Amino acid sequence: MRARWSLFLTASAFAASCGGPGSGHVPEGSVAAKEADGGGIVPTDERQRLHDRLATAIAPLVDSPFGTAAAATGVVGTVEGAASLGTLWDGGPSATNDSRFNVASVSKVLTAARIVSLAHAKSIGLDDAVSKHLPGVKLLDEGGVDRAGTITVRQLVQHRSGLPHVPKDLERRVANRWSSPDLLRVLTDSWELALDGSPGQYKYSNTGYALLGAIIERTRNCSFADCMATYLDELGMTRSTFWPTTLGDDAARGRVVVQGAAKFNEPGWYASRYALPFTGLWTSTPDLARFGAIVLSASKDPAAPLHAMSAPDGNPLGLFVAKRLDATSLEHDGSGPGFHASLIILPSKSVVLAMATNGGNETKDEGAAFADVVRSTLNVVPAP
């Protein structure tokens, strides 16, 4: 476990800094239904047309250099469609809309959501100093001055803490206890972390999200995976988990290429308690789109618990602001060993897209190819 997670955390550095012909099999029942807000059922032909457009668009994701399975769920207004292609690993079961994928750095969005919801409930403050919630953590600048009393929770969420992507002493500190439920608590009981940038400036950091996970644990008095299980239930994400060892044959295996040969990592390979807050979510695309729809709705309601995630002040929390389809988007992508994923929300167009595939070695070319498929898929979601 120690060697695999050292490799994983190092390999994740590129992917996180970005965010950010298969079988063609389409299982029966792969069109998701959704009731219209005003009552009644959206006509089946509208859902079917959306499903067909999605299936065509994601077909490249079940071919090299990606994986054997791909899934996408799109929402436009009151119409929701979902498509799934391929098999969950070579020789494995067919992918369905219920299939779970690791969504890599998209996991940060849910960690940020939990922090924002706790702030909305006044359990924590976004402008609280890190030292208030993690008094054993020191954040040392280049002069050796502890900045934990001035660096805030908000800065952790926004990647503006100055923390490094991966701590230099991580392996030594973990000491091969990657799966220990109390790992984050033990690490943050007493930890000196050297800053790698100036607080306030943007620097993407997995370490910052590990600290957010520890804050969630201490605020809610439970392990991160258990805390998030409760929160996922509250969100209605019933096909989602932050602890992969509970998954069975309905979860995709991550396809990687090692020395020229394809290898499929089972979900348990990804079981690092340290990494859960920034890359630990396993979810179906309908579940991920459901969360996107919650954020979309919250963007229009200042009283909603997740309204702050919609960047009403121009400063996003947990999502990145971009331009898609001539509109402002809220989004996050992710890639890890064997997986690519994306979540895009267009509040002004009432559009959400969630996508995932079980393949990739985190190269720049693969990242660009996946981004191209995401772009073409988004283009078809609001099509007539």
Protein backbone atom coordinates (compact mmCIF):
# COMPACT_ATOMS: atom_id res chain seq x y z
CA MET A 1 0.00 0.00 0.00
CA ARG A 2 2.82 2.41 0.84
CA ALA A 3 4.48 2.17 -2.56
CA ARG A 4 1.26 2.38 -4.52
CA TRP A 5 0.10 5.51 -2.69
CA SER A 6 3.44 7.24 -2.98
CA LEU A 7 3.19 6.67 -6.74
CA PHE A 8 -0.47 7.72 -6.80
CA LEU A 9 0.04 10.98 -4.93
CA THR A 10 2.98 11.89 -7.13
CA ALA A 11 1.11 11.04 -10.33
CA SER A 12 -1.86 13.07 -9.18
CA ALA A 13 0.18 16.27 -9.23
CA PHE A 14 -0.24 16.82 -12.98
CA ALA A 15 -3.94 15.98 -13.05
CA ALA A 16 -4.83 18.15 -10.12
CA SER A 17 -2.90 21.08 -11.53
CA CYS A 18 -5.23 21.02 -14.54
CA GLY A 19 -8.30 21.71 -12.52
CA GLY A 20 -8.65 20.57 -12.60
CA PRO A 21 -14.17 1.94 -30.98
CA GLY A 22 -15.38 0.14 -27.86
CA SER A 23 -18.25 -2.27 -27.68
CA GLY A 24 -20.76 0.56 -28.12
CA HIS A 25 -23.15 -1.39 -25.90
CA VAL A 26 -25.99 0.68 -24.48
CA PRO A 27 -27.83 -1.23 -21.73
CA GLU A 28 -31.58 -1.24 -21.66
CA GLY A 29 -33.08 1.24 -19.27
CA SER A 30 -30.24 3.70 -19.69
CA VAL A 31 -32.53 6.72 -20.03
CA ALA A 32 -33.16 8.54 -16.76
CA ALA A 33 -36.58 10.01 -16.13
CA LYS A 34 -37.21 13.22 -14.29
CA GLU A 35 -40.42 14.89 -13.23
CA ALA A 36 -40.98 18.42 -14.40
CA ASP A 37 -41.00 21.09 -11.72
CA GLY A 38 -44.60 21.98 -12.44
CA GLY A 39 -45.84 18.41 -12.22
CA GLY A 40 -46.21 15.75 -14.87
CA ILE A 41 -43.57 13.73 -16.67
CA VAL A 42 -41.13 14.99 -19.29
CA PRO A 43 -42.01 13.30 -22.62
CA THR A 44 -40.00 10.15 -23.15
CA ASP A 45 -38.88 11.18 -26.63
CA GLU A 46 -37.07 14.26 -25.22
CA ARG A 47 -35.16 12.11 -22.74
CA GLN A 48 -34.42 9.57 -25.44
CA ARG A 49 -33.05 12.19 -27.81
CA LEU A 50 -30.79 13.55 -25.08
CA HIS A 51 -29.65 10.01 -24.25
CA ASP A 52 -28.84 9.32 -27.90
CA ARG A 53 -26.80 12.52 -28.24
CA LEU A 54 -24.85 11.73 -25.08
CA ALA A 55 -24.16 8.14 -26.14
CA THR A 56 -22.75 9.27 -29.47
CA ALA A 57 -20.61 12.00 -27.89
CA ILE A 58 -18.96 9.81 -25.22
CA ALA A 59 -18.22 6.86 -27.54
CA PRO A 60 -14.49 7.85 -27.85
CA LEU A 61 -14.09 7.29 -24.09
CA VAL A 62 -14.36 3.50 -24.43
CA ASP A 63 -11.35 3.37 -26.72
CA SER A 64 -7.61 3.77 -26.05
CA PRO A 65 -6.09 5.82 -24.44
CA PHE A 66 -9.11 5.82 -22.17
CA GLY A 67 -10.89 2.86 -20.61
CA THR A 68 -13.51 0.23 -21.25
CA ALA A 69 -16.47 2.12 -19.75
CA ALA A 70 -17.90 5.61 -19.98
CA ALA A 71 -20.99 7.33 -18.61
CA ALA A 72 -22.58 10.75 -18.87
CA THR A 73 -25.66 12.42 -17.46
CA GLY A 74 -26.96 15.67 -18.88
CA VAL A 75 -29.66 17.96 -17.55
CA VAL A 76 -31.23 20.77 -19.53
CA GLY A 77 -34.14 22.45 -17.83
CA THR A 78 -36.46 19.68 -16.64
CA VAL A 79 -35.10 17.05 -19.01
CA GLU A 80 -32.48 14.59 -17.78
CA GLY A 81 -30.82 11.95 -19.90
CA ALA A 82 -28.08 9.46 -19.12
CA ALA A 83 -25.99 7.13 -21.26
CA SER A 84 -23.50 4.41 -20.39
CA LEU A 85 -21.21 2.43 -22.69
CA GLY A 86 -18.83 -0.50 -22.52
CA THR A 87 -17.81 -2.78 -19.66
CA LEU A 88 -16.46 -1.93 -16.21
CA TRP A 89 -13.21 -3.76 -17.01
CA ASP A 90 -12.01 -6.16 -19.68
CA GLY A 91 -14.39 -9.10 -19.44
CA GLY A 92 -16.43 -7.39 -16.72
CA PRO A 93 -20.13 -6.52 -16.52
CA SER A 94 -21.69 -3.88 -18.74
CA ALA A 95 -21.67 -0.31 -17.53
CA THR A 96 -25.07 1.03 -16.47
CA ASN A 97 -26.31 4.34 -15.12
CA ASP A 98 -25.83 2.93 -11.61
CA SER A 99 -22.14 2.14 -12.19
CA ARG A 100 -19.75 3.96 -9.89
CA PHE A 101 -16.55 5.64 -11.10
CA ASN A 102 -13.78 7.32 -9.17
CA VAL A 103 -14.04 10.99 -10.13
CA ALA A 104 -10.55 11.96 -8.93
CA SER A 105 -10.23 15.69 -8.21
CA VAL A 106 -13.94 16.31 -8.77
CA SER A 107 -14.11 14.87 -5.23
CA LYS A 108 -12.87 18.25 -3.97
CA VAL A 109 -16.19 19.78 -4.99
CA LEU A 110 -18.06 17.64 -2.46
CA THR A 111 -15.48 18.33 0.25
CA ALA A 112 -15.87 22.05 -0.44
CA ALA A 113 -19.66 21.68 -0.38
CA ARG A 114 -19.51 20.13 3.08
CA ILE A 115 -17.33 22.97 4.32
CA VAL A 116 -19.66 25.58 2.80
CA SER A 117 -22.72 23.89 4.29
CA LEU A 118 -21.09 23.77 7.73
CA ALA A 119 -20.30 27.48 7.41
CA HIS A 120 -23.91 28.15 6.41
CA ALA A 121 -25.01 26.32 9.57
CA LYS A 122 -22.55 28.44 11.63
CA SER A 123 -20.63 25.33 12.74
CA ILE A 124 -17.47 26.87 11.30
CA GLY A 125 -16.58 30.17 9.67
CA LEU A 126 -15.08 30.41 6.20
CA ASP A 127 -12.84 33.17 7.52
CA ASP A 128 -11.79 31.22 10.61
CA ALA A 129 -8.05 30.73 10.94
CA VAL A 130 -6.78 27.21 10.33
CA SER A 131 -5.38 27.24 13.88
CA LYS A 132 -8.88 27.57 15.32
CA HIS A 133 -9.86 24.12 14.05
CA LEU A 134 -6.45 22.44 13.77
CA PRO A 135 -4.43 23.86 16.68
CA GLY A 136 -1.72 21.22 16.24
CA VAL A 137 -0.94 22.31 12.67
CA LYS A 138 1.78 24.86 11.94
CA LEU A 139 2.02 26.45 8.49
CA LEU A 140 5.55 27.80 8.24
CA ASP A 141 6.53 30.45 5.71
CA GLU A 142 10.02 30.72 4.25
CA GLY A 143 11.13 32.72 7.29
CA GLY A 144 9.92 30.03 9.68
CA VAL A 145 6.94 32.08 10.86
CA ASP A 146 3.77 30.12 11.63
CA ARG A 147 0.94 31.48 9.48
CA ALA A 148 -1.77 29.08 10.73
CA GLY A 149 -3.29 31.96 12.70
CA THR A 150 -3.85 34.06 9.58
CA ILE A 151 -4.44 31.52 6.78
CA THR A 152 -8.17 30.85 6.62
CA VAL A 153 -10.53 28.01 5.82
CA ARG A 154 -11.68 30.00 2.78
CA GLN A 155 -8.10 30.14 1.49
CA LEU A 156 -7.81 26.34 1.82
CA VAL A 157 -10.98 25.92 -0.24
CA GLN A 158 -9.79 28.39 -2.89
CA HIS A 159 -6.24 26.98 -3.15
CA ARG A 160 -4.82 30.24 -1.80
CA SER A 161 -3.11 28.99 1.35
CA GLY A 162 0.40 28.64 -0.09
CA LEU A 163 0.49 24.96 0.88
CA PRO A 164 2.43 22.51 -1.31
CA HIS A 165 0.61 20.02 -3.50
CA VAL A 166 2.16 17.08 -1.62
CA PRO A 167 4.01 17.49 1.72
CA LYS A 168 7.65 16.42 1.55
CA ASP A 169 7.35 14.36 4.73
CA LEU A 170 4.04 12.67 3.87
CA GLU A 171 5.28 9.10 3.49
CA ARG A 172 7.31 9.25 6.69
CA ARG A 173 4.40 10.74 8.60
CA VAL A 174 1.87 8.21 7.32
CA ALA A 175 4.22 5.29 8.01
CA ASN A 176 2.17 2.88 5.89
CA ARG A 177 -1.12 3.62 7.72
CA TRP A 178 -2.95 4.81 4.60
CA SER A 179 -6.18 2.95 5.49
CA SER A 180 -6.29 3.87 9.17
CA PRO A 181 -9.63 5.62 9.97
CA ASP A 182 -7.86 8.06 12.32
CA LEU A 183 -5.06 8.97 9.90
CA LEU A 184 -6.11 12.58 9.27
CA ARG A 185 -6.60 13.20 12.99
CA VAL A 186 -3.20 11.73 13.88
CA LEU A 187 -1.46 13.74 11.15
CA THR A 188 -3.06 17.01 12.21
CA ASP A 189 -2.60 16.49 15.96
CA SER A 190 0.93 17.78 15.43
CA TRP A 191 2.22 18.68 11.97
CA GLU A 192 4.60 21.35 10.71
CA LEU A 193 3.95 22.05 7.04
CA ALA A 194 6.31 24.28 5.07
CA LEU A 195 4.48 26.65 2.74
CA ASP A 196 5.44 26.50 -0.91
CA GLY A 197 3.89 29.80 -1.93
CA SER A 198 2.57 33.08 -0.58
CA PRO A 199 -0.79 33.00 1.23
CA GLY A 200 -3.40 34.74 -0.87
CA GLN A 201 -1.90 33.71 -4.20
CA TYR A 202 -3.41 30.85 -6.18
CA LYS A 203 -1.53 27.54 -5.89
CA TYR A 204 -3.45 24.29 -6.41
CA SER A 205 -2.95 22.06 -3.39
CA ASN A 206 -4.16 18.60 -2.46
CA THR A 207 -2.66 19.21 0.99
CA GLY A 208 -5.10 22.04 1.61
CA TYR A 209 -8.03 19.72 0.97
CA ALA A 210 -6.57 17.08 3.29
CA LEU A 211 -6.65 19.75 6.00
CA LEU A 212 -10.27 20.56 5.09
CA GLY A 213 -11.05 16.87 5.53
CA ALA A 214 -9.49 17.00 8.99
CA ILE A 215 -11.59 20.07 9.85
CA ILE A 216 -14.75 18.23 8.79
CA GLU A 217 -13.75 15.27 10.97
CA ARG A 218 -13.17 17.41 14.06
CA THR A 219 -16.30 19.48 13.54
CA ARG A 220 -18.55 16.46 13.08
CA ASN A 221 -16.64 14.00 15.33
CA CYS A 222 -16.44 11.18 12.80
CA SER A 223 -14.02 9.84 10.21
CA PHE A 224 -14.10 11.72 6.91
CA ALA A 225 -15.67 8.81 5.02
CA ASP A 226 -18.40 8.41 7.67
CA CYS A 227 -19.01 12.17 7.88
CA MET A 228 -19.39 12.36 4.13
CA ALA A 229 -21.62 9.28 3.96
CA THR A 230 -24.18 11.16 6.05
CA TYR A 231 -23.83 14.27 3.91
CA LEU A 232 -24.14 12.35 0.63
CA ASP A 233 -27.39 10.85 1.94
CA GLU A 234 -28.65 14.36 2.72
CA LEU A 235 -27.89 15.36 -0.86
CA GLY A 236 -29.74 12.33 -2.24
CA MET A 237 -26.53 10.86 -3.67
CA THR A 238 -27.42 7.29 -2.80
CA ARG A 239 -24.98 5.74 -5.31
CA SER A 240 -21.95 7.56 -3.90
CA THR A 241 -19.27 6.81 -1.30
CA PHE A 242 -15.90 8.04 -0.12
CA TRP A 243 -14.74 4.59 0.97
CA PRO A 244 -14.02 2.28 -2.00
CA THR A 245 -13.53 -1.00 -0.12
CA THR A 246 -17.34 -1.19 0.24
CA LEU A 247 -17.80 -1.34 -3.54
CA GLY A 248 -18.54 -4.50 -5.54
CA ASP A 249 -18.83 -5.41 -9.19
CA ASP A 250 -20.96 -2.35 -9.93
CA ALA A 251 -17.84 -0.17 -9.74
CA ALA A 252 -15.46 0.44 -12.61
CA ARG A 253 -11.84 -0.62 -12.30
CA GLY A 254 -9.24 1.97 -13.21
CA ARG A 255 -7.42 1.15 -16.44
CA VAL A 256 -3.74 2.11 -16.52
CA VAL A 257 -0.94 1.09 -18.85
CA VAL A 258 2.15 -0.26 -17.12
CA GLN A 259 5.19 -1.10 -19.26
CA GLY A 260 2.99 -1.26 -22.33
CA ALA A 261 0.35 -3.58 -20.82
CA ALA A 262 -3.13 -2.62 -19.63
CA LYS A 263 -3.82 -3.18 -15.93
CA PHE A 264 -7.10 -2.69 -14.06
CA ASN A 265 -6.95 -1.38 -10.48
CA GLU A 266 -9.77 -2.60 -8.25
CA PRO A 267 -11.48 0.03 -6.04
CA GLY A 268 -9.55 -1.10 -2.96
CA TRP A 269 -6.32 0.04 -4.62
CA TYR A 270 -7.48 3.62 -4.05
CA ALA A 271 -8.16 3.23 -0.31
CA SER A 272 -6.09 6.05 1.20
CA ARG A 273 -7.68 7.93 4.09
CA TYR A 274 -5.33 10.84 3.44
CA ALA A 275 -6.43 11.21 -0.19
CA LEU A 276 -10.19 10.90 0.35
CA PRO A 277 -10.94 14.64 0.67
CA PHE A 278 -9.28 15.47 -2.64
CA THR A 279 -9.70 12.35 -4.78
CA GLY A 280 -11.81 9.78 -2.94
CA LEU A 281 -15.35 10.09 -4.31
CA TRP A 282 -16.90 7.12 -6.16
CA THR A 283 -20.19 8.04 -7.75
CA SER A 284 -22.56 7.45 -10.64
CA THR A 285 -23.02 10.22 -13.19
CA PRO A 286 -26.72 10.66 -12.30
CA ASP A 287 -25.68 11.21 -8.67
CA LEU A 288 -23.01 13.71 -9.70
CA ALA A 289 -25.47 15.52 -11.97
CA ARG A 290 -27.95 15.58 -9.09
CA PHE A 291 -25.40 17.44 -7.01
CA GLY A 292 -24.77 19.80 -9.92
CA ALA A 293 -28.49 20.54 -10.06
CA ILE A 294 -28.41 21.40 -6.34
CA VAL A 295 -25.64 23.93 -6.96
CA LEU A 296 -27.53 25.29 -9.98
CA SER A 297 -30.63 25.81 -7.85
CA ALA A 298 -28.55 27.34 -5.04
CA SER A 299 -27.08 29.86 -7.48
CA LYS A 300 -30.55 31.42 -7.73
CA ASP A 301 -31.31 31.36 -4.00
CA PRO A 302 -29.12 33.48 -1.67
CA ALA A 303 -30.54 31.61 1.33
CA ALA A 304 -29.50 28.17 0.04
CA PRO A 305 -26.73 26.38 1.99
CA LEU A 306 -24.53 26.09 -1.11
CA HIS A 307 -25.18 29.54 -2.59
CA ALA A 308 -21.57 30.58 -1.88
CA MET A 309 -20.34 27.84 -4.22
CA SER A 310 -21.94 29.67 -7.16
CA ALA A 311 -19.42 32.52 -6.84
CA PRO A 312 -21.99 35.31 -6.27
CA ASP A 313 -19.08 37.65 -5.41
CA GLY A 314 -16.92 36.41 -8.27
CA ASN A 315 -14.77 34.31 -5.95
CA PRO A 316 -15.65 30.61 -6.41
CA LEU A 317 -15.57 28.09 -3.58
CA GLY A 318 -14.69 24.56 -4.69
CA LEU A 319 -15.51 25.17 -8.36
CA PHE A 320 -13.72 27.03 -11.14
CA VAL A 321 -15.36 29.74 -13.21
CA ALA A 322 -15.02 29.45 -16.99
CA LYS A 323 -16.91 30.26 -20.18
CA ARG A 324 -18.93 27.58 -21.99
CA LEU A 325 -21.63 27.92 -24.65
CA ASP A 326 -21.31 31.72 -24.35
CA ALA A 327 -22.24 31.55 -20.69
CA THR A 328 -20.50 31.47 -17.31
CA SER A 329 -19.82 27.94 -16.11
CA LEU A 330 -18.99 26.49 -12.70
CA GLU A 331 -16.88 23.38 -13.13
CA HIS A 332 -14.18 20.98 -12.02
CA ASP A 333 -12.43 18.17 -13.81
CA GLY A 334 -10.32 15.36 -12.47
CA SER A 335 -7.94 12.63 -13.46
CA GLY A 336 -6.15 10.00 -11.45
CA PRO A 337 -4.56 6.64 -12.19
CA GLY A 338 -7.19 5.01 -14.40
CA PHE A 339 -9.95 7.63 -14.34
CA HIS A 340 -11.11 10.90 -15.90
CA ALA A 341 -14.19 12.87 -14.84
CA SER A 342 -15.85 16.25 -15.25
CA LEU A 343 -18.70 18.25 -13.74
CA ILE A 344 -19.98 21.37 -15.51
CA ILE A 345 -22.83 23.63 -14.39
CA LEU A 346 -24.28 26.46 -16.50
CA PRO A 347 -26.71 28.30 -14.19
CA SER A 348 -27.99 30.77 -16.80
CA LYS A 349 -28.85 27.95 -19.21
CA SER A 350 -30.08 25.46 -16.55
CA VAL A 351 -27.60 22.91 -17.91
CA VAL A 352 -25.58 20.32 -15.97
CA LEU A 353 -23.18 17.74 -17.37
CA ALA A 354 -21.49 14.94 -15.41
CA MET A 355 -19.06 12.57 -17.16
CA ALA A 356 -16.67 9.77 -16.24
CA THR A 357 -14.50 7.08 -17.83
CA ASN A 358 -12.27 4.40 -16.33
CA GLY A 359 -9.03 4.98 -18.19
CA GLY A 360 -5.99 7.18 -18.43
CA ASN A 361 -2.38 7.54 -17.36
CA GLU A 362 -2.59 11.29 -16.67
CA THR A 363 -0.59 12.48 -19.64
CA LYS A 364 -1.07 15.93 -21.14
CA ASP A 365 -2.23 14.42 -24.43
CA GLU A 366 -4.87 12.34 -22.65
CA GLY A 367 -5.99 15.37 -20.67
CA ALA A 368 -6.41 17.36 -23.87
CA ALA A 369 -8.26 14.49 -25.57
CA PHE A 370 -10.64 14.12 -22.63
CA ALA A 371 -11.27 17.88 -22.61
CA ASP A 372 -12.18 17.68 -26.30
CA VAL A 373 -14.75 14.95 -25.61
CA VAL A 374 -16.17 16.95 -22.69
CA ARG A 375 -16.50 19.99 -24.94
CA SER A 376 -18.26 18.08 -27.71
CA THR A 377 -20.56 16.37 -25.20
CA LEU A 378 -21.56 19.63 -23.56
CA ASN A 379 -22.36 21.06 -26.97
CA VAL A 380 -25.05 18.45 -27.56
CA VAL A 381 -26.80 18.67 -24.18
CA PRO A 382 -28.98 21.72 -24.98
CA ALA A 383 -29.42 20.79 -28.64
CA PRO A 384 -33.06 20.61 -29.85
